[in-house]
Amino acid sequence: MHRKNFTEVTEFIFLGFSSSGKHQITLFVVFLIIYILTLASNIIIVTVICTDHHLHTPMYFYLSMLASSETVYTLAIVPRMLSSLIFHKQPISLAGCATQMFFFVIMATNNCFLLTAMGYDRYVAICKPLRYTVIMSKGMCAQLVCGSFGTGLVMALLHVTAMFNLPFCGTVVEHFFCDIYPVMKLSCIDTTVNEIINYSVSSFVIFIPVCLNFISYVLIISSILKIASAEGRKKVFTTCASHLTVVIVHYGCASIAYLKPKSENSVEKDLLLSVTYIIITPLLNPVIYTLRNKEVTDALRRAVGKNVPYHIESFFSGDL
């Protein structure tokens, strides 16, 4: 009987932004522009870091991995969302939904732990500068990146396996992609076990990185306060400011989205929050973390073989 119910539904339809009515074309244009900028900036970041030997350091290695992860993350969701804004009620198969959820979970988890690896990198650079090259060796960098991806893979397999063993009765997903809670709501049976799994995984993926980043920054701030000159303290803190900004935005959105009480769920609020961490944040990350970095703008100038116009360079370096 369980298997029969499971096979009754073979595809889903996204509700998406159907309540926006005539504004859907406007949303399509805005989201498309943001998506193109996100793809372009992340591809530029990865290309420049790979080709410029001046950027072959652990910090930029992690940045290239984050940019690559963000690219796959958005590719799994945004094109389908854009399509649904133009062609309404396009169905997605169960296999397609499972694939989308798999890549969403694996890359979202990967991003969380990559940001933790970046926090550790900043801790070693500031608190143990003389041992930086020894501690942050190529082997250590590879281990941290593989560990982030491996954790994401395990979490994705756990989520997708638990979710798509459920029997589904509903077909309309109240979202613009196969997110965990909207799909879970379509099940014919009690989903308490799945909710426990989801909350446990979300707590692990958010709290562990947050705690590790918190420890790193406590030690970093402690070291900064020992610096005698105010100019020296400012210079050192500047090297962490971008990472700290991204961490606050990333974990803040994730916590609100996946750790809030079930009673506070709202379709409109969930859509707005999802737009923030799926469309807006992936664009903010390269802007905050990299494109306003002088070393990267210098690398860009070297890559094109000529000077970037002054006003463009000033924008990226924050002089304007």
C-alpha atoms as a PDB file:
ATOM      1  CA  MET A   1       0.000   0.000   0.000  1.00  0.00           C
ATOM      2  CA  HIS A   2       2.866   2.327   0.839  1.00  0.00           C
ATOM      3  CA  ARG A   3       4.461   1.767  -2.546  1.00  0.00           C
ATOM      4  CA  LYS A   4       1.136   2.280  -4.329  1.00  0.00           C
ATOM      5  CA  ASN A   5       0.615   5.674  -2.704  1.00  0.00           C
ATOM      6  CA  PHE A   6       4.182   6.653  -3.509  1.00  0.00           C
ATOM      7  CA  THR A   7       3.724   6.027  -7.235  1.00  0.00           C
ATOM      8  CA  GLU A   8       0.404   7.926  -7.457  1.00  0.00           C
ATOM      9  CA  VAL A   9       2.271  11.234  -7.822  1.00  0.00           C
ATOM     10  CA  THR A  10       4.883  11.289 -10.576  1.00  0.00           C
ATOM     11  CA  GLU A  11       5.505  15.023 -10.868  1.00  0.00           C
ATOM     12  CA  PHE A  12       5.175  18.313  -9.027  1.00  0.00           C
ATOM     13  CA  ILE A  13       4.200  21.840 -10.056  1.00  0.00           C
ATOM     14  CA  PHE A  14       5.774  24.913  -8.441  1.00  0.00           C
ATOM     15  CA  LEU A  15       3.462  27.601  -7.106  1.00  0.00           C
ATOM     16  CA  GLY A  16       6.411  29.997  -7.191  1.00  0.00           C
ATOM     17  CA  PHE A  17       5.534  33.659  -7.658  1.00  0.00           C
ATOM     18  CA  SER A  18       2.060  33.074  -9.102  1.00  0.00           C
ATOM     19  CA  SER A  19       0.588  35.492  -6.556  1.00  0.00           C
ATOM     20  CA  SER A  20       2.701  38.287  -8.098  1.00  0.00           C
ATOM     21  CA  GLY A  21       0.453  38.348 -11.174  1.00  0.00           C
ATOM     22  CA  LYS A  22       1.485  40.987 -13.710  1.00  0.00           C
ATOM     23  CA  HIS A  23       4.776  41.626 -11.881  1.00  0.00           C
ATOM     24  CA  GLN A  24       6.218  38.255 -12.901  1.00  0.00           C
ATOM     25  CA  ILE A  25       7.841  39.667 -16.052  1.00  0.00           C
ATOM     26  CA  THR A  26       9.502  42.359 -13.957  1.00  0.00           C
ATOM     27  CA  LEU A  27      10.716  39.728 -11.506  1.00  0.00           C
ATOM     28  CA  PHE A  28      12.038  37.662 -14.411  1.00  0.00           C
ATOM     29  CA  VAL A  29      14.105  40.582 -15.750  1.00  0.00           C
ATOM     30  CA  VAL A  30      15.470  41.534 -12.319  1.00  0.00           C
ATOM     31  CA  PHE A  31      16.350  37.951 -11.363  1.00  0.00           C
ATOM     32  CA  LEU A  32      17.894  37.276 -14.775  1.00  0.00           C
ATOM     33  CA  ILE A  33      20.173  40.312 -14.495  1.00  0.00           C
ATOM     34  CA  ILE A  34      21.242  39.320 -10.976  1.00  0.00           C
ATOM     35  CA  TYR A  35      21.824  35.737 -12.105  1.00  0.00           C
ATOM     36  CA  ILE A  36      23.990  36.777 -15.064  1.00  0.00           C
ATOM     37  CA  LEU A  37      26.034  39.081 -12.811  1.00  0.00           C
ATOM     38  CA  THR A  38      26.434  36.268 -10.272  1.00  0.00           C
ATOM     39  CA  LEU A  39      27.617  33.759 -12.863  1.00  0.00           C
ATOM     40  CA  ALA A  40      29.946  36.269 -14.506  1.00  0.00           C
ATOM     41  CA  SER A  41      31.545  37.440 -11.254  1.00  0.00           C
ATOM     42  CA  ASN A  42      32.038  33.910  -9.908  1.00  0.00           C
ATOM     43  CA  ILE A  43      33.507  32.660 -13.201  1.00  0.00           C
ATOM     44  CA  ILE A  44      35.856  35.656 -13.317  1.00  0.00           C
ATOM     45  CA  ILE A  45      36.950  34.996  -9.737  1.00  0.00           C
ATOM     46  CA  VAL A  46      37.717  31.326 -10.379  1.00  0.00           C
ATOM     47  CA  THR A  47      39.516  32.081 -13.657  1.00  0.00           C
ATOM     48  CA  VAL A  48      41.669  34.865 -12.228  1.00  0.00           C
ATOM     49  CA  ILE A  49      42.619  32.883  -9.115  1.00  0.00           C
ATOM     50  CA  CYS A  50      43.548  29.844 -11.199  1.00  0.00           C
ATOM     51  CA  THR A  51      45.627  31.775 -13.736  1.00  0.00           C
ATOM     52  CA  ASP A  52      47.385  34.365 -11.557  1.00  0.00           C
ATOM     53  CA  HIS A  53      50.219  32.932  -9.443  1.00  0.00           C
ATOM     54  CA  HIS A  54      50.035  35.899  -7.073  1.00  0.00           C
ATOM     55  CA  LEU A  55      46.701  34.533  -5.859  1.00  0.00           C
ATOM     56  CA  HIS A  56      47.881  30.965  -5.309  1.00  0.00           C
ATOM     57  CA  THR A  57      47.445  31.184  -1.543  1.00  0.00           C
ATOM     58  CA  PRO A  58      45.152  29.243   0.819  1.00  0.00           C
ATOM     59  CA  MET A  59      42.763  32.198   1.249  1.00  0.00           C
ATOM     60  CA  TYR A  60      42.177  32.564  -2.494  1.00  0.00           C
ATOM     61  CA  PHE A  61      42.051  28.810  -2.969  1.00  0.00           C
ATOM     62  CA  TYR A  62      39.090  28.724  -0.570  1.00  0.00           C
ATOM     63  CA  LEU A  63      37.541  31.700  -2.364  1.00  0.00           C
ATOM     64  CA  SER A  64      37.749  29.884  -5.687  1.00  0.00           C
ATOM     65  CA  MET A  65      36.111  26.820  -4.131  1.00  0.00           C
ATOM     66  CA  LEU A  66      33.335  28.977  -2.663  1.00  0.00           C
ATOM     67  CA  ALA A  67      32.759  30.688  -6.014  1.00  0.00           C
ATOM     68  CA  SER A  68      32.602  27.307  -7.774  1.00  0.00           C
ATOM     69  CA  SER A  69      30.173  25.986  -5.182  1.00  0.00           C
ATOM     70  CA  GLU A  70      27.969  29.086  -5.482  1.00  0.00           C
ATOM     71  CA  THR A  71      27.903  28.667  -9.266  1.00  0.00           C
ATOM     72  CA  VAL A  72      26.645  25.069  -9.062  1.00  0.00           C
ATOM     73  CA  TYR A  73      24.269  26.067  -6.249  1.00  0.00           C
ATOM     74  CA  THR A  74      22.558  28.705  -8.382  1.00  0.00           C
ATOM     75  CA  LEU A  75      22.643  26.579 -11.550  1.00  0.00           C
ATOM     76  CA  ALA A  76      20.599  23.918  -9.779  1.00  0.00           C
ATOM     77  CA  ILE A  77      17.770  26.315  -8.924  1.00  0.00           C
ATOM     78  CA  VAL A  78      17.689  29.668 -10.715  1.00  0.00           C
ATOM     79  CA  PRO A  79      17.276  28.600 -14.394  1.00  0.00           C
ATOM     80  CA  ARG A  80      14.223  26.523 -13.472  1.00  0.00           C
ATOM     81  CA  MET A  81      12.831  29.409 -11.405  1.00  0.00           C
ATOM     82  CA  LEU A  82      13.290  31.841 -14.291  1.00  0.00           C
ATOM     83  CA  SER A  83      11.570  29.416 -16.646  1.00  0.00           C
ATOM     84  CA  SER A  84       8.571  29.102 -14.319  1.00  0.00           C
ATOM     85  CA  LEU A  85       8.145  32.898 -14.305  1.00  0.00           C
ATOM     86  CA  ILE A  86       7.575  32.810 -18.074  1.00  0.00           C
ATOM     87  CA  PHE A  87       6.044  29.384 -18.640  1.00  0.00           C
ATOM     88  CA  HIS A  88       3.602  28.814 -15.791  1.00  0.00           C
ATOM     89  CA  LYS A  89       2.770  25.456 -14.225  1.00  0.00           C
ATOM     90  CA  GLN A  90       5.700  23.604 -15.759  1.00  0.00           C
ATOM     91  CA  PRO A  91       5.867  20.163 -14.119  1.00  0.00           C
ATOM     92  CA  ILE A  92       9.018  18.652 -12.638  1.00  0.00           C
ATOM     93  CA  SER A  93       9.385  14.894 -12.254  1.00  0.00           C
ATOM     94  CA  LEU A  94      10.093  13.254  -8.901  1.00  0.00           C
ATOM     95  CA  ALA A  95      13.564  12.373 -10.163  1.00  0.00           C
ATOM     96  CA  GLY A  96      14.118  15.982 -11.263  1.00  0.00           C
ATOM     97  CA  CYS A  97      12.912  17.265  -7.898  1.00  0.00           C
ATOM     98  CA  ALA A  98      15.170  14.824  -6.024  1.00  0.00           C
ATOM     99  CA  THR A  99      18.146  15.891  -8.157  1.00  0.00           C
ATOM    100  CA  GLN A 100      17.484  19.566  -7.508  1.00  0.00           C
ATOM    101  CA  MET A 101      17.154  18.983  -3.761  1.00  0.00           C
ATOM    102  CA  PHE A 102      20.334  16.876  -3.762  1.00  0.00           C
ATOM    103  CA  PHE A 103      22.461  19.609  -5.340  1.00  0.00           C
ATOM    104  CA  PHE A 104      20.844  22.305  -3.200  1.00  0.00           C
ATOM    105  CA  VAL A 105      21.627  20.489   0.064  1.00  0.00           C
ATOM    106  CA  ILE A 106      25.138  19.412  -0.916  1.00  0.00           C
ATOM    107  CA  MET A 107      26.199  22.866  -2.062  1.00  0.00           C
ATOM    108  CA  ALA A 108      24.480  24.758   0.774  1.00  0.00           C
ATOM    109  CA  THR A 109      26.224  22.511   3.312  1.00  0.00           C
ATOM    110  CA  ASN A 110      29.496  22.789   1.425  1.00  0.00           C
ATOM    111  CA  ASN A 111      29.271  26.593   1.558  1.00  0.00           C
ATOM    112  CA  CYS A 112      28.707  26.548   5.327  1.00  0.00           C
ATOM    113  CA  PHE A 113      31.828  24.491   5.983  1.00  0.00           C
ATOM    114  CA  LEU A 114      33.942  26.320   3.399  1.00  0.00           C
ATOM    115  CA  LEU A 115      33.230  29.561   5.264  1.00  0.00           C
ATOM    116  CA  THR A 116      34.410  27.778   8.410  1.00  0.00           C
ATOM    117  CA  ALA A 117      37.635  26.757   6.672  1.00  0.00           C
ATOM    118  CA  MET A 118      38.119  30.400   5.657  1.00  0.00           C
ATOM    119  CA  GLY A 119      37.627  31.463   9.275  1.00  0.00           C
ATOM    120  CA  TYR A 120      40.292  28.972  10.352  1.00  0.00           C
ATOM    121  CA  ASP A 121      42.600  30.329   7.650  1.00  0.00           C
ATOM    122  CA  ARG A 122      42.182  33.864   9.015  1.00  0.00           C
ATOM    123  CA  TYR A 123      42.820  32.606  12.560  1.00  0.00           C
ATOM    124  CA  VAL A 124      46.090  30.939  11.557  1.00  0.00           C
ATOM    125  CA  ALA A 125      47.194  33.961   9.473  1.00  0.00           C
ATOM    126  CA  ILE A 126      46.642  36.405  12.369  1.00  0.00           C
ATOM    127  CA  CYS A 127      47.320  34.324  15.481  1.00  0.00           C
ATOM    128  CA  LYS A 128      50.079  32.038  14.160  1.00  0.00           C
ATOM    129  CA  PRO A 129      51.659  34.007  11.298  1.00  0.00           C
ATOM    130  CA  LEU A 130      55.093  32.371  11.577  1.00  0.00           C
ATOM    131  CA  ARG A 131      53.579  28.907  11.188  1.00  0.00           C
ATOM    132  CA  TYR A 132      51.000  29.865   8.556  1.00  0.00           C
ATOM    133  CA  THR A 133      52.685  28.215   5.583  1.00  0.00           C
ATOM    134  CA  VAL A 134      53.317  25.050   7.588  1.00  0.00           C
ATOM    135  CA  ILE A 135      49.801  24.710   9.013  1.00  0.00           C
ATOM    136  CA  MET A 136      47.926  25.822   5.890  1.00  0.00           C
ATOM    137  CA  SER A 137      49.782  23.458   3.578  1.00  0.00           C
ATOM    138  CA  LYS A 138      48.344  22.185   0.307  1.00  0.00           C
ATOM    139  CA  GLY A 139      47.451  18.951   2.059  1.00  0.00           C
ATOM    140  CA  MET A 140      45.553  20.755   4.819  1.00  0.00           C
ATOM    141  CA  CYS A 141      43.693  22.928   2.286  1.00  0.00           C
ATOM    142  CA  ALA A 142      42.703  19.853   0.283  1.00  0.00           C
ATOM    143  CA  GLN A 143      41.522  18.059   3.438  1.00  0.00           C
ATOM    144  CA  LEU A 144      39.351  20.982   4.529  1.00  0.00           C
ATOM    145  CA  VAL A 145      37.775  21.357   1.072  1.00  0.00           C
ATOM    146  CA  CYS A 146      37.184  17.597   0.710  1.00  0.00           C
ATOM    147  CA  GLY A 147      35.784  17.491   4.245  1.00  0.00           C
ATOM    148  CA  SER A 148      33.322  20.292   3.406  1.00  0.00           C
ATOM    149  CA  PHE A 149      32.171  18.572   0.233  1.00  0.00           C
ATOM    150  CA  GLY A 150      32.037  15.153   1.906  1.00  0.00           C
ATOM    151  CA  THR A 151      29.854  16.516   4.710  1.00  0.00           C
ATOM    152  CA  GLY A 152      27.525  18.040   2.133  1.00  0.00           C
ATOM    153  CA  LEU A 153      27.350  14.750   0.248  1.00  0.00           C
ATOM    154  CA  VAL A 154      26.375  12.803   3.379  1.00  0.00           C
ATOM    155  CA  MET A 155      23.730  15.378   4.361  1.00  0.00           C
ATOM    156  CA  ALA A 156      22.278  15.424   0.838  1.00  0.00           C
ATOM    157  CA  LEU A 157      22.041  11.632   0.650  1.00  0.00           C
ATOM    158  CA  LEU A 158      20.371  11.538   4.071  1.00  0.00           C
ATOM    159  CA  HIS A 159      17.822  14.232   3.162  1.00  0.00           C
ATOM    160  CA  VAL A 160      16.931  12.953  -0.305  1.00  0.00           C
ATOM    161  CA  THR A 161      16.707   9.304   0.727  1.00  0.00           C
ATOM    162  CA  ALA A 162      14.414  10.108   3.658  1.00  0.00           C
ATOM    163  CA  MET A 163      12.289  12.526   1.642  1.00  0.00           C
ATOM    164  CA  PHE A 164      11.678  10.477  -1.480  1.00  0.00           C
ATOM    165  CA  ASN A 165      10.769   7.319   0.396  1.00  0.00           C
ATOM    166  CA  LEU A 166       7.642   9.175   1.509  1.00  0.00           C
ATOM    167  CA  PRO A 167       4.332   8.635  -0.307  1.00  0.00           C
ATOM    168  CA  PHE A 168       3.098  11.882  -1.892  1.00  0.00           C
ATOM    169  CA  CYS A 169      -0.522  12.925  -2.406  1.00  0.00           C
ATOM    170  CA  GLY A 170      -0.193  16.628  -3.215  1.00  0.00           C
ATOM    171  CA  THR A 171       1.355  17.939  -6.424  1.00  0.00           C
ATOM    172  CA  VAL A 172       1.665  21.721  -5.891  1.00  0.00           C
ATOM    173  CA  VAL A 173       4.909  22.809  -4.208  1.00  0.00           C
ATOM    174  CA  GLU A 174       4.401  26.169  -2.476  1.00  0.00           C
ATOM    175  CA  HIS A 175       7.821  27.382  -3.526  1.00  0.00           C
ATOM    176  CA  PHE A 176       9.930  28.051  -6.638  1.00  0.00           C
ATOM    177  CA  PHE A 177      12.186  25.015  -6.121  1.00  0.00           C
ATOM    178  CA  CYS A 178      12.213  21.652  -4.342  1.00  0.00           C
ATOM    179  CA  ASP A 179      13.042  22.905  -0.872  1.00  0.00           C
ATOM    180  CA  ILE A 180      12.744  20.479   2.015  1.00  0.00           C
ATOM    181  CA  TYR A 181       9.704  21.696   3.962  1.00  0.00           C
ATOM    182  CA  PRO A 182       7.471  22.570   0.958  1.00  0.00           C
ATOM    183  CA  VAL A 183       8.004  19.084  -0.518  1.00  0.00           C
ATOM    184  CA  MET A 184       7.568  17.388   2.850  1.00  0.00           C
ATOM    185  CA  LYS A 185       4.136  19.019   3.211  1.00  0.00           C
ATOM    186  CA  LEU A 186       2.908  17.049   0.186  1.00  0.00           C
ATOM    187  CA  SER A 187       3.320  13.694   1.917  1.00  0.00           C
ATOM    188  CA  CYS A 188       0.278  11.508   2.644  1.00  0.00           C
ATOM    189  CA  ILE A 189       1.614  10.300   5.984  1.00  0.00           C
ATOM    190  CA  ASP A 190       2.935  11.759   9.222  1.00  0.00           C
ATOM    191  CA  THR A 191       6.353  13.355   8.639  1.00  0.00           C
ATOM    192  CA  THR A 192       7.508  13.696  12.246  1.00  0.00           C
ATOM    193  CA  VAL A 193      10.578  11.501  11.653  1.00  0.00           C
ATOM    194  CA  ASN A 194      11.532  13.529   8.578  1.00  0.00           C
ATOM    195  CA  GLU A 195      11.065  16.772  10.490  1.00  0.00           C
ATOM    196  CA  ILE A 196      13.383  15.498  13.231  1.00  0.00           C
ATOM    197  CA  ILE A 197      15.962  14.488  10.618  1.00  0.00           C
ATOM    198  CA  ASN A 198      15.711  17.860   8.906  1.00  0.00           C
ATOM    199  CA  TYR A 199      15.999  19.846  12.142  1.00  0.00           C
ATOM    200  CA  SER A 200      18.931  17.712  13.333  1.00  0.00           C
ATOM    201  CA  VAL A 201      20.805  18.068  10.055  1.00  0.00           C
ATOM    202  CA  SER A 202      20.079  21.806   9.845  1.00  0.00           C
ATOM    203  CA  SER A 203      21.238  22.308  13.432  1.00  0.00           C
ATOM    204  CA  PHE A 204      24.467  20.407  12.759  1.00  0.00           C
ATOM    205  CA  VAL A 205      25.174  22.238   9.487  1.00  0.00           C
ATOM    206  CA  ILE A 206      24.536  25.665  11.042  1.00  0.00           C
ATOM    207  CA  PHE A 207      25.590  25.417  14.689  1.00  0.00           C
ATOM    208  CA  ILE A 208      28.891  23.570  14.210  1.00  0.00           C
ATOM    209  CA  PRO A 209      30.264  26.099  11.670  1.00  0.00           C
ATOM    210  CA  VAL A 210      28.887  29.030  13.690  1.00  0.00           C
ATOM    211  CA  CYS A 211      30.573  27.759  16.865  1.00  0.00           C
ATOM    212  CA  LEU A 212      33.877  27.134  15.076  1.00  0.00           C
ATOM    213  CA  ASN A 213      33.779  30.573  13.453  1.00  0.00           C
ATOM    214  CA  PHE A 214      32.909  32.128  16.810  1.00  0.00           C
ATOM    215  CA  ILE A 215      35.932  30.463  18.443  1.00  0.00           C
ATOM    216  CA  SER A 216      38.176  31.605  15.576  1.00  0.00           C
ATOM    217  CA  TYR A 217      37.025  35.213  15.925  1.00  0.00           C
ATOM    218  CA  VAL A 218      37.336  35.246  19.706  1.00  0.00           C
ATOM    219  CA  LEU A 219      40.983  34.237  19.287  1.00  0.00           C
ATOM    220  CA  ILE A 220      41.452  36.676  16.387  1.00  0.00           C
ATOM    221  CA  ILE A 221      39.995  39.615  18.339  1.00  0.00           C
ATOM    222  CA  SER A 222      42.126  38.669  21.329  1.00  0.00           C
ATOM    223  CA  SER A 223      45.242  38.849  19.136  1.00  0.00           C
ATOM    224  CA  ILE A 224      44.158  42.119  17.508  1.00  0.00           C
ATOM    225  CA  LEU A 225      43.671  43.792  20.900  1.00  0.00           C
ATOM    226  CA  LYS A 226      47.302  42.986  21.747  1.00  0.00           C
ATOM    227  CA  ILE A 227      48.528  45.118  18.840  1.00  0.00           C
ATOM    228  CA  ALA A 228      49.840  48.399  20.182  1.00  0.00           C
ATOM    229  CA  SER A 229      48.927  50.831  17.395  1.00  0.00           C
ATOM    230  CA  ALA A 230      45.381  51.659  16.352  1.00  0.00           C
ATOM    231  CA  GLU A 231      46.464  51.678  12.704  1.00  0.00           C
ATOM    232  CA  GLY A 232      47.878  48.177  13.089  1.00  0.00           C
ATOM    233  CA  ARG A 233      44.671  46.902  14.687  1.00  0.00           C
ATOM    234  CA  LYS A 234      42.589  48.437  11.902  1.00  0.00           C
ATOM    235  CA  LYS A 235      44.791  46.938   9.187  1.00  0.00           C
ATOM    236  CA  VAL A 236      44.597  43.434  10.658  1.00  0.00           C
ATOM    237  CA  PHE A 237      40.843  43.607  11.257  1.00  0.00           C
ATOM    238  CA  THR A 238      40.304  44.738   7.666  1.00  0.00           C
ATOM    239  CA  THR A 239      41.629  41.375   6.473  1.00  0.00           C
ATOM    240  CA  CYS A 240      38.753  39.681   8.354  1.00  0.00           C
ATOM    241  CA  ALA A 241      35.945  42.169   7.758  1.00  0.00           C
ATOM    242  CA  SER A 242      34.796  40.712   4.432  1.00  0.00           C
ATOM    243  CA  HIS A 243      34.702  37.152   5.748  1.00  0.00           C
ATOM    244  CA  LEU A 244      32.852  38.221   8.888  1.00  0.00           C
ATOM    245  CA  THR A 245      30.238  40.092   6.814  1.00  0.00           C
ATOM    246  CA  VAL A 246      29.608  37.068   4.579  1.00  0.00           C
ATOM    247  CA  VAL A 247      29.414  34.755   7.609  1.00  0.00           C
ATOM    248  CA  ILE A 248      26.782  36.920   9.328  1.00  0.00           C
ATOM    249  CA  VAL A 249      24.619  37.181   6.189  1.00  0.00           C
ATOM    250  CA  HIS A 250      24.970  33.493   5.258  1.00  0.00           C
ATOM    251  CA  TYR A 251      24.332  31.919   8.655  1.00  0.00           C
ATOM    252  CA  GLY A 252      21.737  34.520   9.565  1.00  0.00           C
ATOM    253  CA  CYS A 253      19.575  33.651   6.556  1.00  0.00           C
ATOM    254  CA  ALA A 254      20.118  29.909   7.016  1.00  0.00           C
ATOM    255  CA  SER A 255      19.146  30.052  10.694  1.00  0.00           C
ATOM    256  CA  ILE A 256      15.948  31.969  10.032  1.00  0.00           C
ATOM    257  CA  ALA A 257      14.994  29.684   7.139  1.00  0.00           C
ATOM    258  CA  TYR A 258      15.651  26.271   8.686  1.00  0.00           C
ATOM    259  CA  LEU A 259      15.662  26.645  12.461  1.00  0.00           C
ATOM    260  CA  LYS A 260      12.549  28.736  12.989  1.00  0.00           C
ATOM    261  CA  PRO A 261       9.516  27.051  14.633  1.00  0.00           C
ATOM    262  CA  LYS A 262       7.132  25.301  12.246  1.00  0.00           C
ATOM    263  CA  SER A 263       4.279  27.524  13.480  1.00  0.00           C
ATOM    264  CA  GLU A 264       6.053  30.565  12.022  1.00  0.00           C
ATOM    265  CA  ASN A 265       6.142  29.186   8.473  1.00  0.00           C
ATOM    266  CA  SER A 266       4.620  31.527   5.899  1.00  0.00           C
ATOM    267  CA  VAL A 267       4.679  31.039   2.128  1.00  0.00           C
ATOM    268  CA  GLU A 268       5.314  34.734   1.423  1.00  0.00           C
ATOM    269  CA  LYS A 269       8.063  35.078   4.047  1.00  0.00           C
ATOM    270  CA  ASP A 270       9.691  31.819   2.956  1.00  0.00           C
ATOM    271  CA  LEU A 271       9.768  32.985  -0.670  1.00  0.00           C
ATOM    272  CA  LEU A 272      11.328  36.312   0.286  1.00  0.00           C
ATOM    273  CA  LEU A 273      13.922  34.617   2.478  1.00  0.00           C
ATOM    274  CA  SER A 274      14.738  32.071  -0.232  1.00  0.00           C
ATOM    275  CA  VAL A 275      15.220  34.843  -2.788  1.00  0.00           C
ATOM    276  CA  THR A 276      17.709  36.419  -0.374  1.00  0.00           C
ATOM    277  CA  TYR A 277      19.934  33.382   0.146  1.00  0.00           C
ATOM    278  CA  ILE A 278      19.582  31.828  -3.318  1.00  0.00           C
ATOM    279  CA  ILE A 279      19.680  34.912  -5.569  1.00  0.00           C
ATOM    280  CA  ILE A 280      20.965  37.919  -3.597  1.00  0.00           C
ATOM    281  CA  THR A 281      23.624  36.348  -1.346  1.00  0.00           C
ATOM    282  CA  PRO A 282      25.539  34.527  -4.137  1.00  0.00           C
ATOM    283  CA  LEU A 283      25.992  37.929  -5.817  1.00  0.00           C
ATOM    284  CA  LEU A 284      26.948  39.729  -2.606  1.00  0.00           C
ATOM    285  CA  ASN A 285      29.615  37.143  -1.726  1.00  0.00           C
ATOM    286  CA  PRO A 286      31.988  37.916  -4.628  1.00  0.00           C
ATOM    287  CA  VAL A 287      31.340  41.656  -4.334  1.00  0.00           C
ATOM    288  CA  ILE A 288      31.967  41.764  -0.582  1.00  0.00           C
ATOM    289  CA  TYR A 289      34.718  39.198  -0.422  1.00  0.00           C
ATOM    290  CA  THR A 290      36.663  39.542  -3.620  1.00  0.00           C
ATOM    291  CA  LEU A 291      35.830  42.168  -6.220  1.00  0.00           C
ATOM    292  CA  ARG A 292      36.533  44.993  -3.772  1.00  0.00           C
ATOM    293  CA  ASN A 293      39.920  43.402  -2.997  1.00  0.00           C
ATOM    294  CA  LYS A 294      42.964  45.234  -4.394  1.00  0.00           C
ATOM    295  CA  GLU A 295      44.898  42.022  -5.018  1.00  0.00           C
ATOM    296  CA  VAL A 296      42.077  40.731  -7.216  1.00  0.00           C
ATOM    297  CA  THR A 297      41.689  43.990  -9.157  1.00  0.00           C
ATOM    298  CA  ASP A 298      45.459  43.959  -9.741  1.00  0.00           C
ATOM    299  CA  ALA A 299      45.161  40.377 -10.994  1.00  0.00           C
ATOM    300  CA  LEU A 300      42.305  41.417 -13.292  1.00  0.00           C
ATOM    301  CA  ARG A 301      44.476  44.145 -14.807  1.00  0.00           C
ATOM    302  CA  ARG A 302      47.269  41.644 -15.381  1.00  0.00           C
ATOM    303  CA  ALA A 303      44.798  39.176 -16.905  1.00  0.00           C
ATOM    304  CA  VAL A 304      43.484  41.598 -19.543  1.00  0.00           C
ATOM    305  CA  GLY A 305      46.989  42.912 -20.229  1.00  0.00           C
ATOM    306  CA  LYS A 306      46.084  46.559 -19.831  1.00  0.00           C
ATOM    307  CA  ASN A 307      44.968  49.013 -17.176  1.00  0.00           C
ATOM    308  CA  VAL A 308      41.382  48.992 -16.051  1.00  0.00           C
ATOM    309  CA  PRO A 309      39.945  52.531 -16.333  1.00  0.00           C
ATOM    310  CA  TYR A 310      40.534  54.448 -13.124  1.00  0.00           C
ATOM    311  CA  HIS A 311      36.857  54.867 -12.220  1.00  0.00           C
ATOM    312  CA  ILE A 312      36.251  51.101 -12.487  1.00  0.00           C
ATOM    313  CA  GLU A 313      39.288  50.260 -10.380  1.00  0.00           C
ATOM    314  CA  SER A 314      38.247  52.881  -7.823  1.00  0.00           C
ATOM    315  CA  PHE A 315      34.783  51.351  -7.573  1.00  0.00           C
ATOM    316  CA  PHE A 316      36.138  47.869  -6.864  1.00  0.00           C
ATOM    317  CA  SER A 317      38.792  49.060  -4.450  1.00  0.00           C
ATOM    318  CA  GLY A 318      36.290  51.226  -2.543  1.00  0.00           C
ATOM    319  CA  ASP A 319      37.844  54.599  -3.366  1.00  0.00           C
ATOM    320  CA  LEU A 320      34.659  56.000  -4.896  1.00  0.00           C
END
